[in-house]
């Protein structure tokens, strides 16, 4: 029992001693290469784990990646015996051994490799990265680069958060191999930038050579992700506000009158440049390719932003959150696809909807501090407007096509004409026969010429009637008429007959 206790004490003391020796190094070199939490990685292993080549200690020696270990030795051979014969392997090993303590301190999960294995890993992985990019940049035929899937898979593996070595290792190797031949840090940045570059982002440029780059994924982030801080008007807070700044999904926004437009150069500064015009109700979104490569890149960029800490949500995290709110169903995918915004390379719209629904699971976000919080407020205000909702419903129900618009106009004209004729029939009746509730309306219509008022007979009409009576009526007829119609008892007809007889 005493021996077991002694063994345990010795083990604990050894571990504490090792950590104590590394303390100063860890204070000088903070973590830069992180391990994603297991519960997050478990559901998306293909998004975090390399499929072709391992870089760094986390996946070193994995069974499915051992074939590339032989290729690493071939690349080391080409570097030393083809590209620069003046450099020896011993020199490179000495350089890597001098960087071992600092390199170990970069990993949030302490590497389990022994000293020699760790140094060998730095040498092989660093030389593989350099020779791979050299061959691609110089367009040298290569069995790996010439395979159709080789470039795509290697590029994806080199941009995984967990599949990295410190960038200062790559720089030290580059300096030893290409420094004597005039190679500069700026030239190294140019080679790497051209390979990992995104051809859709024409405004991107390599990071300044004064910036400290932690690894290749960090270099991509500095080159292609814009620096766009959250709105200054928002107050920093670590707790979510009472009203979350979320927006309806795309089809609901469309029903509320919002139009979606593909945003392209020169208006789009980058692929994350989403804008909303509250006056016109138009949301502009740069085109997005939906495929497995893009999913892996976005997820690892989010994980990188999360590893940087701070309350403010990064640009990529904010962008993914916004797209996740917009796209929740296959109908949302279909709408944005028809507008030319989504280029779906997956099986169908259902799979694309799943792509967006789980994209943001890798990180948390403070909606008050995200980049698009102001845009979300404008969209919510627009969609909550009674006028915008009902105007959109009118346009959707009656003006969705030319034929429905024509039918609506014709129906309106028929109703208007029918109402006018009805009003005229009512107004042309004697006032005594019109119900009292309508008399004021009829009088107003007559007063303002809505319908012609009843007029008395003209002078010509009066003369025609008088002549008729003079020619056809005698005194006896007039006497009979006066007996029947008391209102006609007047001397004027009798006088006219007397004048005729006289």
Protein backbone atom coordinates (compact mmCIF):
# COMPACT_ATOMS: atom_id res chain seq x y z
CA UNK A 1 0.00 0.00 0.00
CA UNK A 2 2.85 2.34 0.84
CA UNK A 3 4.49 1.62 -2.51
CA UNK A 4 1.25 2.50 -4.35
CA UNK A 5 1.02 5.78 -2.45
CA UNK A 6 4.63 6.57 -3.20
CA UNK A 7 4.09 5.83 -6.90
CA UNK A 8 1.05 8.11 -6.99
CA UNK A 9 2.87 10.92 -5.22
CA UNK A 10 5.77 10.58 -7.64
CA UNK A 11 3.40 10.74 -10.62
CA UNK A 12 1.66 13.83 -9.30
CA UNK A 13 4.95 15.52 -8.52
CA UNK A 14 6.27 14.71 -12.00
CA UNK A 15 3.20 16.17 -13.65
CA UNK A 16 3.35 19.33 -11.54
CA UNK A 17 7.04 19.66 -12.25
CA UNK A 18 6.41 19.42 -15.99
CA UNK A 19 3.66 22.01 -15.84
CA UNK A 20 5.88 24.27 -13.77
CA UNK A 21 8.59 24.09 -16.39
CA UNK A 22 6.05 24.99 -19.08
CA UNK A 23 4.48 27.85 -17.13
CA UNK A 24 6.84 30.56 -18.33
CA UNK A 25 6.54 29.35 -21.90
CA UNK A 26 2.74 29.36 -21.71
CA UNK A 27 2.76 32.90 -20.33
CA UNK A 28 4.92 34.00 -23.25
CA UNK A 29 2.98 31.97 -25.82
CA UNK A 30 -0.84 31.88 -25.42
CA UNK A 31 -2.96 29.15 -26.99
CA UNK A 32 -3.52 29.69 -30.73
CA UNK A 33 -4.55 26.21 -31.93
CA UNK A 34 -7.66 24.93 -30.18
CA UNK A 35 -9.53 21.66 -29.95
CA UNK A 36 -13.26 21.87 -30.59
CA UNK A 37 -15.32 20.48 -27.67
CA UNK A 38 -16.16 16.81 -28.17
CA UNK A 39 -19.94 17.27 -27.94
CA UNK A 40 -19.84 19.75 -30.82
CA UNK A 41 -17.43 17.76 -32.96
CA UNK A 42 -19.32 14.49 -32.47
CA UNK A 43 -22.18 15.38 -34.79
CA UNK A 44 -19.97 16.97 -37.45
CA UNK A 45 -16.81 14.91 -37.51
CA UNK A 46 -16.26 15.37 -41.24
CA UNK A 47 -16.33 19.15 -40.80
CA UNK A 48 -13.49 19.15 -38.24
CA UNK A 49 -11.42 16.07 -39.04
CA UNK A 50 -9.03 15.83 -42.02
CA UNK A 51 -9.93 13.44 -44.82
CA UNK A 52 -6.59 13.24 -46.62
CA UNK A 53 -3.64 14.72 -44.73
CA UNK A 54 -2.95 15.32 -41.04
CA UNK A 55 -1.16 18.49 -39.96
CA UNK A 56 -0.16 18.87 -36.32
CA UNK A 57 -0.45 16.48 -33.37
CA UNK A 58 -4.23 16.11 -32.98
CA UNK A 59 -4.67 13.66 -35.89
CA UNK A 60 -1.08 12.54 -36.24
CA UNK A 61 -0.89 8.82 -37.03
CA UNK A 62 -4.62 8.42 -37.74
CA UNK A 63 -5.23 5.16 -39.61
CA UNK A 64 -7.10 6.72 -42.52
CA UNK A 65 -4.34 9.28 -43.15
CA UNK A 66 -1.22 7.11 -43.09
CA UNK A 67 -0.93 7.00 -46.89
CA UNK A 68 0.00 10.68 -46.93
CA UNK A 69 2.90 10.11 -44.51
CA UNK A 70 4.91 8.56 -47.35
CA UNK A 71 4.07 11.56 -49.52
CA UNK A 72 5.44 13.87 -46.82
CA UNK A 73 8.80 12.12 -47.00
CA UNK A 74 8.82 12.53 -50.80
CA UNK A 75 8.15 16.26 -50.43
CA UNK A 76 10.97 16.58 -47.87
CA UNK A 77 13.29 14.84 -50.35
CA UNK A 78 12.31 17.25 -53.16
CA UNK A 79 12.94 20.25 -50.91
CA UNK A 80 16.43 19.13 -49.90
CA UNK A 81 17.68 17.51 -53.11
CA UNK A 82 15.84 19.43 -55.83
CA UNK A 83 14.81 22.84 -54.62
CA UNK A 84 17.83 23.72 -52.44
CA UNK A 85 20.69 21.26 -52.19
CA UNK A 86 22.64 23.54 -49.88
CA UNK A 87 20.29 22.83 -46.95
CA UNK A 88 20.66 19.64 -44.94
CA UNK A 89 18.11 17.74 -42.91
CA UNK A 90 20.27 18.22 -39.80
CA UNK A 91 19.96 22.00 -40.12
CA UNK A 92 16.19 21.80 -40.40
CA UNK A 93 15.98 19.43 -37.42
CA UNK A 94 17.99 21.87 -35.29
CA UNK A 95 15.66 24.68 -36.30
CA UNK A 96 12.58 22.66 -35.36
CA UNK A 97 14.05 21.50 -32.05
CA UNK A 98 14.70 25.10 -31.05
CA UNK A 99 10.99 25.85 -31.65
CA UNK A 100 9.62 22.79 -29.82
CA UNK A 101 8.74 24.39 -26.44
CA UNK A 102 7.07 27.37 -28.07
CA UNK A 103 5.19 25.17 -30.57
CA UNK A 104 3.92 22.84 -27.83
CA UNK A 105 2.59 25.83 -25.90
CA UNK A 106 0.38 26.84 -28.87
CA UNK A 107 -1.92 23.84 -28.48
CA UNK A 108 -4.83 24.06 -26.05
CA UNK A 109 -4.70 20.27 -25.65
CA UNK A 110 -1.18 19.25 -24.69
CA UNK A 111 0.42 17.03 -27.38
CA UNK A 112 1.20 13.51 -26.16
CA UNK A 113 4.07 12.96 -28.61
CA UNK A 114 7.59 12.60 -27.25
CA UNK A 115 10.25 15.15 -28.11
CA UNK A 116 11.71 13.39 -31.16
CA UNK A 117 8.31 12.47 -32.55
CA UNK A 118 7.05 16.02 -32.08
CA UNK A 119 10.08 17.55 -33.80
CA UNK A 120 9.80 15.04 -36.67
CA UNK A 121 6.14 15.95 -37.04
CA UNK A 122 6.95 19.68 -37.24
CA UNK A 123 9.63 18.99 -39.86
CA UNK A 124 7.51 16.74 -42.09
CA UNK A 125 4.28 18.74 -41.82
CA UNK A 126 5.97 22.10 -42.31
CA UNK A 127 7.97 20.91 -45.33
CA UNK A 128 4.86 19.28 -46.80
CA UNK A 129 3.00 22.61 -46.67
CA UNK A 130 5.88 24.49 -48.30
CA UNK A 131 6.57 21.98 -51.08
CA UNK A 132 2.88 21.53 -51.80
CA UNK A 133 2.47 25.26 -52.35
CA UNK A 134 5.76 25.54 -54.27
CA UNK A 135 4.69 22.85 -56.72
CA UNK A 136 1.30 24.45 -57.21
CA UNK A 137 2.75 27.96 -57.62
CA UNK A 138 5.42 26.81 -60.10
CA UNK A 139 2.93 24.54 -61.90
CA UNK A 140 5.23 21.54 -61.46
CA UNK A 141 3.58 18.19 -62.35
CA UNK A 142 2.82 16.24 -59.20
CA UNK A 143 0.97 13.02 -58.56
CA UNK A 144 -0.96 14.59 -55.67
CA UNK A 145 -1.79 17.95 -57.26
CA UNK A 146 -2.76 16.44 -60.61
CA UNK A 147 -5.44 14.18 -59.13
CA UNK A 148 -8.86 15.79 -59.53
CA UNK A 149 -9.82 15.56 -55.89
CA UNK A 150 -6.30 16.12 -54.55
CA UNK A 151 -6.25 19.91 -54.54
CA UNK A 152 -9.79 20.19 -53.17
CA UNK A 153 -9.32 17.79 -50.28
CA UNK A 154 -5.85 19.04 -49.30
CA UNK A 155 -7.05 22.64 -49.40
CA UNK A 156 -10.02 21.76 -47.16
CA UNK A 157 -7.76 19.87 -44.72
CA UNK A 158 -5.29 22.77 -44.49
CA UNK A 159 -8.10 25.10 -43.35
CA UNK A 160 -9.36 23.01 -40.42
CA UNK A 161 -8.95 24.57 -36.98
CA UNK A 162 -7.68 21.37 -35.36
CA UNK A 163 -5.37 20.44 -38.26
CA UNK A 164 -2.69 23.13 -37.89
CA UNK A 165 0.91 23.76 -36.94
CA UNK A 166 2.11 27.20 -35.75
CA UNK A 167 2.80 29.54 -38.64
CA UNK A 168 6.18 30.52 -37.20
CA UNK A 169 7.28 26.93 -37.90
CA UNK A 170 6.42 27.34 -41.59
CA UNK A 171 8.18 30.71 -41.64
CA UNK A 172 11.35 29.29 -40.05
CA UNK A 173 11.51 26.46 -42.60
CA UNK A 174 10.84 28.87 -45.46
CA UNK A 175 13.62 31.14 -44.28
CA UNK A 176 16.08 28.22 -44.07
CA UNK A 177 15.19 26.87 -47.52
CA UNK A 178 14.37 29.95 -49.57
CA UNK A 179 15.98 32.75 -47.57
CA UNK A 180 19.37 32.38 -49.26
CA UNK A 181 17.60 32.50 -52.64
CA UNK A 182 15.88 35.82 -51.94
CA UNK A 183 12.66 34.50 -50.46
CA UNK A 184 10.86 37.02 -48.27
CA UNK A 185 7.95 36.84 -45.86
CA UNK A 186 5.92 38.92 -48.29
CA UNK A 187 6.56 36.39 -51.07
CA UNK A 188 5.52 33.53 -48.78
CA UNK A 189 2.27 35.36 -48.01
CA UNK A 190 1.66 35.87 -51.72
CA UNK A 191 2.10 32.16 -52.52
CA UNK A 192 -0.22 31.05 -49.72
CA UNK A 193 -2.77 33.77 -50.46
CA UNK A 194 -3.02 32.85 -54.14
CA UNK A 195 -3.67 29.21 -53.31
CA UNK A 196 -6.18 29.52 -50.49
CA UNK A 197 -7.79 32.55 -52.12
CA UNK A 198 -11.48 32.96 -52.91
CA UNK A 199 -11.84 34.08 -56.54
CA UNK A 200 -15.28 35.59 -55.81
CA UNK A 201 -13.75 38.15 -53.43
CA UNK A 202 -11.89 40.43 -55.77
CA UNK A 203 -11.28 43.07 -53.09
CA UNK A 204 -9.32 40.72 -50.79
CA UNK A 205 -5.57 41.10 -50.37
CA UNK A 206 -2.83 39.33 -48.40
CA UNK A 207 -2.45 40.41 -44.77
CA UNK A 208 0.26 42.89 -43.93
CA UNK A 209 3.62 41.27 -43.19
CA UNK A 210 3.58 43.10 -39.86
CA UNK A 211 0.61 41.01 -38.61
CA UNK A 212 1.37 37.97 -36.50
CA UNK A 213 -0.27 34.99 -38.21
CA UNK A 214 -1.01 32.00 -35.99
CA UNK A 215 -1.72 29.36 -38.65
CA UNK A 216 -3.14 28.93 -42.17
CA UNK A 217 -6.79 29.24 -41.12
CA UNK A 218 -5.91 32.49 -39.35
CA UNK A 219 -4.23 33.72 -42.55
CA UNK A 220 -7.38 32.96 -44.54
CA UNK A 221 -9.46 34.82 -41.96
CA UNK A 222 -7.22 37.89 -42.07
CA UNK A 223 -7.28 37.90 -45.88
CA UNK A 224 -10.91 37.18 -46.75
CA UNK A 225 -13.08 38.03 -43.75
CA UNK A 226 -13.75 41.79 -43.50
CA UNK A 227 -13.23 43.82 -40.36
CA UNK A 228 -16.76 44.96 -39.57
CA UNK A 229 -17.36 45.86 -35.92
CA UNK A 230 -20.84 45.78 -34.32
CA UNK A 231 -22.89 49.01 -34.36
CA UNK A 232 -21.42 51.65 -32.07
CA UNK A 233 -24.86 52.54 -30.74
CA UNK A 234 -25.22 49.20 -29.03
CA UNK A 235 -24.08 48.92 -25.44
CA UNK A 236 -21.91 46.00 -24.52
CA UNK A 237 -23.73 43.43 -22.49
CA UNK A 238 -23.07 39.87 -21.49
CA UNK A 239 -26.75 39.06 -21.05
CA UNK A 240 -29.28 38.88 -23.88
CA UNK A 241 -31.78 41.70 -24.17
CA UNK A 242 -35.47 41.22 -23.51
CA UNK A 243 -36.23 41.42 -27.23
CA UNK A 244 -34.01 39.15 -29.31
CA UNK A 245 -33.01 40.67 -32.62
CA UNK A 246 -34.24 37.90 -34.86
CA UNK A 247 -36.09 38.08 -38.15
CA UNK A 248 -38.72 35.95 -39.93
CA UNK A 249 -37.63 33.36 -42.45
CA UNK A 250 -37.34 34.24 -46.13
CA UNK A 251 -40.80 33.12 -47.23
CA UNK A 252 -42.45 34.99 -44.34
CA UNK A 253 -40.49 38.11 -45.20
CA UNK A 254 -41.59 37.76 -48.82
CA UNK A 255 -45.21 37.53 -47.68
CA UNK A 256 -44.67 40.79 -45.77
CA UNK A 257 -43.45 42.54 -48.94
CA UNK A 258 -39.66 42.09 -48.73
CA UNK A 259 -37.90 41.42 -52.04
CA UNK A 260 -34.63 39.45 -52.28
CA UNK A 261 -31.97 40.51 -54.76
CA UNK A 262 -28.59 39.01 -55.58
CA UNK A 263 -25.91 41.46 -54.48
CA UNK A 264 -22.83 41.55 -56.69
CA UNK A 265 -19.83 43.75 -57.42
CA UNK A 266 -19.31 46.66 -57.21
CA UNK A 267 -21.99 46.88 -54.51
CA UNK A 268 -20.88 43.78 -52.60
CA UNK A 269 -17.56 44.33 -50.84
CA UNK A 270 -17.31 40.66 -49.86
CA UNK A 271 -19.46 37.55 -49.64
CA UNK A 272 -20.65 38.51 -46.15
CA UNK A 273 -21.93 41.94 -47.25
CA UNK A 274 -25.70 41.61 -46.69
CA UNK A 275 -27.73 44.83 -46.85
CA UNK A 276 -31.39 45.80 -46.33
CA UNK A 277 -33.07 48.89 -47.81
CA UNK A 278 -35.91 49.69 -45.41
CA UNK A 279 -37.36 52.33 -47.76
CA UNK A 280 -37.78 49.93 -50.68
CA UNK A 281 -38.13 46.72 -48.69
CA UNK A 282 -35.25 45.05 -50.55
CA UNK A 283 -32.68 42.67 -49.02
CA UNK A 284 -29.49 42.21 -51.04
CA UNK A 285 -27.42 39.06 -50.42
CA UNK A 286 -24.23 37.98 -52.23
CA UNK A 287 -24.37 34.59 -53.92
CA UNK A 288 -23.58 31.63 -51.68
CA UNK A 289 -22.50 28.17 -52.81
CA UNK A 290 -24.06 25.44 -50.70
CA UNK A 291 -21.82 22.36 -50.65
CA UNK A 292 -19.72 20.26 -48.27
CA UNK A 293 -16.56 22.33 -48.81
CA UNK A 294 -18.33 25.58 -47.94
CA UNK A 295 -19.94 23.97 -44.89
CA UNK A 296 -16.56 22.82 -43.55
CA UNK A 297 -14.97 26.22 -44.13
CA UNK A 298 -17.78 28.19 -42.47
CA UNK A 299 -17.92 25.87 -39.46
CA UNK A 300 -14.17 26.14 -38.89
CA UNK A 301 -14.20 29.92 -39.32
CA UNK A 302 -16.95 30.12 -36.69
CA UNK A 303 -14.92 27.88 -34.38
CA UNK A 304 -11.91 30.14 -34.92
CA UNK A 305 -13.95 33.25 -34.05
CA UNK A 306 -15.27 31.52 -30.94
CA UNK A 307 -11.72 30.70 -29.87
CA UNK A 308 -10.82 34.40 -29.90
CA UNK A 309 -13.16 35.18 -27.00
CA UNK A 310 -14.93 38.48 -26.37
CA UNK A 311 -18.59 39.52 -26.25
CA UNK A 312 -18.83 40.74 -29.83
CA UNK A 313 -19.92 38.18 -32.42
CA UNK A 314 -17.55 37.83 -35.35
CA UNK A 315 -18.50 38.57 -38.95
CA UNK A 316 -18.77 34.92 -39.97
CA UNK A 317 -20.74 33.96 -36.85
CA UNK A 318 -23.12 36.89 -37.47
CA UNK A 319 -23.47 36.00 -41.16
CA UNK A 320 -24.23 32.34 -40.44
CA UNK A 321 -26.73 33.35 -37.76
CA UNK A 322 -28.49 35.68 -40.22
CA UNK A 323 -28.64 33.05 -42.98
CA UNK A 324 -29.84 30.48 -40.44
CA UNK A 325 -32.76 32.77 -39.58
CA UNK A 326 -33.59 33.32 -43.25
CA UNK A 327 -33.39 29.68 -44.33
CA UNK A 328 -35.29 27.18 -42.18
CA UNK A 329 -37.39 25.20 -44.67
CA UNK A 330 -37.00 23.88 -48.23
CA UNK A 331 -39.39 26.62 -49.35
CA UNK A 332 -36.90 29.24 -48.14
CA UNK A 333 -34.12 27.54 -50.10
CA UNK A 334 -36.30 27.47 -53.22
CA UNK A 335 -37.12 31.17 -52.91
CA UNK A 336 -33.50 32.27 -52.57
CA UNK A 337 -32.39 29.82 -55.25
CA UNK A 338 -34.89 31.30 -57.73
CA UNK A 339 -33.55 34.75 -56.90
CA UNK A 340 -30.02 33.62 -57.81
CA UNK A 341 -28.73 33.96 -54.23
CA UNK A 342 -28.20 30.29 -53.36
CA UNK A 343 -26.28 27.93 -55.62
CA UNK A 344 -27.35 24.58 -54.18
CA UNK A 345 -24.85 21.81 -54.98
CA UNK A 346 -26.41 19.36 -52.52
CA UNK A 347 -28.99 16.69 -53.32
CA UNK A 348 -32.12 18.83 -52.92
CA UNK A 349 -33.64 21.82 -51.12
CA UNK A 350 -34.41 19.70 -48.05
CA UNK A 351 -30.73 18.88 -47.56
CA UNK A 352 -29.80 22.52 -48.13
CA UNK A 353 -32.28 23.55 -45.42
CA UNK A 354 -30.58 21.11 -43.04
CA UNK A 355 -27.25 22.66 -44.07
CA UNK A 356 -28.37 26.03 -42.70
CA UNK A 357 -30.34 24.78 -39.70
CA UNK A 358 -27.27 23.15 -38.10
CA UNK A 359 -24.59 25.51 -39.35
CA UNK A 360 -24.67 27.72 -36.28
CA UNK A 361 -24.65 24.91 -33.72
CA UNK A 362 -20.89 25.27 -33.24
CA UNK A 363 -21.01 28.53 -31.35
CA UNK A 364 -22.98 30.90 -29.17
CA UNK A 365 -23.92 34.43 -30.16
CA UNK A 366 -24.95 37.61 -28.39
CA UNK A 367 -27.70 38.92 -30.67
CA UNK A 368 -27.26 42.43 -29.28
CA UNK A 369 -23.61 42.47 -30.34
CA UNK A 370 -23.77 40.73 -33.69
CA UNK A 371 -22.75 42.61 -36.84
CA UNK A 372 -26.26 42.54 -38.38
CA UNK A 373 -28.23 43.58 -35.28
CA UNK A 374 -29.23 46.92 -36.88
CA UNK A 375 -30.32 45.15 -40.07
CA UNK A 376 -32.45 42.74 -38.03
CA UNK A 377 -34.18 45.66 -36.32
CA UNK A 378 -34.99 47.30 -39.67
CA UNK A 379 -36.34 44.04 -41.10
CA UNK A 380 -38.50 43.34 -38.05
CA UNK A 381 -39.91 46.87 -38.13
CA UNK A 382 -40.70 46.56 -41.84
CA UNK A 383 -42.39 43.17 -41.51
CA UNK A 384 -44.48 44.32 -38.52
CA UNK A 385 -45.92 47.23 -40.53
CA UNK A 386 -49.67 46.84 -41.24
CA UNK A 387 -49.31 48.76 -44.50
CA UNK A 388 -46.45 46.62 -45.83
CA UNK A 389 -48.19 43.35 -44.98
CA UNK A 390 -51.51 44.29 -46.61
CA UNK A 391 -49.89 45.87 -49.65
CA UNK A 392 -47.92 42.67 -50.17
CA UNK A 393 -51.10 40.59 -49.80
CA UNK A 394 -52.89 42.75 -52.41
CA UNK A 395 -49.98 42.43 -54.81
CA UNK A 396 -49.72 38.67 -54.21
CA UNK A 397 -53.46 37.93 -54.54
CA UNK A 398 -54.41 40.30 -57.38
CA UNK A 399 -51.26 41.37 -59.19
CA UNK A 400 -49.08 38.25 -59.19
CA UNK A 401 -49.47 37.95 -63.00
CA UNK A 402 -50.64 40.21 -65.88
CA UNK A 403 -53.88 38.25 -66.27
CA UNK A 404 -54.83 38.51 -62.61
CA UNK A 405 -54.07 42.25 -62.70
CA UNK A 406 -56.27 42.73 -65.80
CA UNK A 407 -59.08 40.70 -64.20
CA UNK A 408 -58.89 42.83 -61.06
CA UNK A 409 -59.05 46.10 -63.04
CA UNK A 410 -61.96 44.90 -65.19
CA UNK A 411 -63.88 43.72 -62.13
CA UNK A 412 -63.29 47.08 -60.49
CA UNK A 413 -64.58 48.94 -63.54
CA UNK A 414 -67.70 46.74 -63.68
CA UNK A 415 -68.45 47.38 -60.02
CA UNK A 416 -67.87 51.12 -60.43
CA UNK A 417 -70.12 51.34 -63.50
CA UNK A 418 -72.84 49.30 -61.83
CA UNK A 419 -72.71 51.55 -58.77
CA UNK A 420 -72.86 54.66 -60.97
CA UNK A 421 -75.87 53.42 -62.93
CA UNK A 422 -77.66 52.47 -59.74
CA UNK A 423 -77.00 55.92 -58.28
CA UNK A 424 -78.24 57.58 -61.44
CA UNK A 425 -81.47 55.56 -61.46
CA UNK A 426 -82.13 56.54 -57.88
CA UNK A 427 -81.25 60.19 -58.45
CA UNK A 428 -83.49 60.51 -61.54
CA UNK A 429 -86.57 59.58 -59.55
CA UNK A 430 -88.74 62.29 -58.05
CA UNK A 431 -87.44 63.36 -54.67
CA UNK A 432 -90.70 62.35 -53.03
CA UNK A 433 -90.15 58.72 -54.06
CA UNK A 434 -86.57 58.53 -52.67
CA UNK A 435 -86.11 57.25 -49.15
CA UNK A 436 -85.18 59.95 -46.71
CA UNK A 437 -81.75 58.42 -45.96
CA UNK A 438 -80.73 58.89 -49.63
CA UNK A 439 -82.22 62.33 -50.30
CA UNK A 440 -79.21 64.28 -49.05
CA UNK A 441 -76.90 62.19 -51.26
CA UNK A 442 -79.15 62.78 -54.32
CA UNK A 443 -79.34 66.52 -53.70
CA UNK A 444 -75.55 66.69 -53.43
CA UNK A 445 -75.16 64.72 -56.67
CA UNK A 446 -77.51 67.09 -58.45
CA UNK A 447 -75.84 70.13 -56.94
CA UNK A 448 -72.35 69.05 -58.02
CA UNK A 449 -73.45 67.59 -61.36
CA UNK A 450 -73.12 64.00 -60.25
CA UNK A 451 -76.35 63.37 -62.24
CA UNK A 452 -78.32 65.83 -64.35
CA UNK A 453 -81.13 67.50 -62.43
CA UNK A 454 -84.63 67.30 -63.91
CA UNK A 455 -85.23 70.42 -66.07
CA UNK A 456 -88.48 72.10 -67.16
CA UNK A 457 -89.69 72.13 -70.82
CA UNK A 458 -87.93 74.45 -73.22
CA UNK A 459 -89.72 77.32 -75.05
CA UNK A 460 -89.81 75.29 -78.28
CA UNK A 461 -91.46 72.41 -76.46
CA UNK A 462 -94.05 74.74 -74.95
CA UNK A 463 -94.90 76.23 -78.41
CA UNK A 464 -95.24 72.75 -79.94
CA UNK A 465 -97.72 71.72 -77.25
CA UNK A 466 -99.69 74.98 -77.61
CA UNK A 467 -99.95 74.56 -81.38
CA UNK A 468 -101.14 70.99 -80.91
CA UNK A 469 -103.90 72.08 -78.60
CA UNK A 470 -104.85 74.98 -80.92
CA UNK A 471 -105.18 72.67 -83.92
CA UNK A 472 -107.00 69.70 -82.39
CA UNK A 473 -108.97 70.73 -79.34
CA UNK A 474 -112.33 72.51 -79.30
CA UNK A 475 -114.19 74.09 -76.38
CA UNK A 476 -116.12 70.92 -75.63
CA UNK A 477 -112.98 68.88 -75.31
CA UNK A 478 -111.44 71.43 -73.01
CA UNK A 479 -114.54 71.54 -70.83
CA UNK A 480 -114.42 67.77 -70.45
CA UNK A 481 -110.74 67.87 -69.59
CA UNK A 482 -111.26 70.57 -66.97
CA UNK A 483 -113.91 68.43 -65.34
CA UNK A 484 -111.49 65.52 -65.10
CA UNK A 485 -108.36 67.43 -64.07
CA UNK A 486 -109.11 70.27 -61.72
CA UNK A 487 -105.54 71.53 -62.01
CA UNK A 488 -106.23 72.43 -65.65
CA UNK A 489 -109.08 74.79 -64.82
CA UNK A 490 -107.61 77.83 -66.42
CA UNK A 491 -108.95 80.38 -68.88
CA UNK A 492 -105.99 80.13 -71.19
CA UNK A 493 -107.10 77.02 -73.14
CA UNK A 494 -110.67 78.34 -73.38
CA UNK A 495 -109.45 81.66 -74.56
CA UNK A 496 -107.35 79.97 -77.22
CA UNK A 497 -110.37 77.99 -78.47
CA UNK A 498 -112.53 81.13 -78.54
CA UNK A 499 -109.94 82.87 -80.63
CA UNK A 500 -109.93 79.96 -83.08
CA UNK A 501 -113.76 79.91 -83.33
CA UNK A 502 -113.92 83.65 -83.63
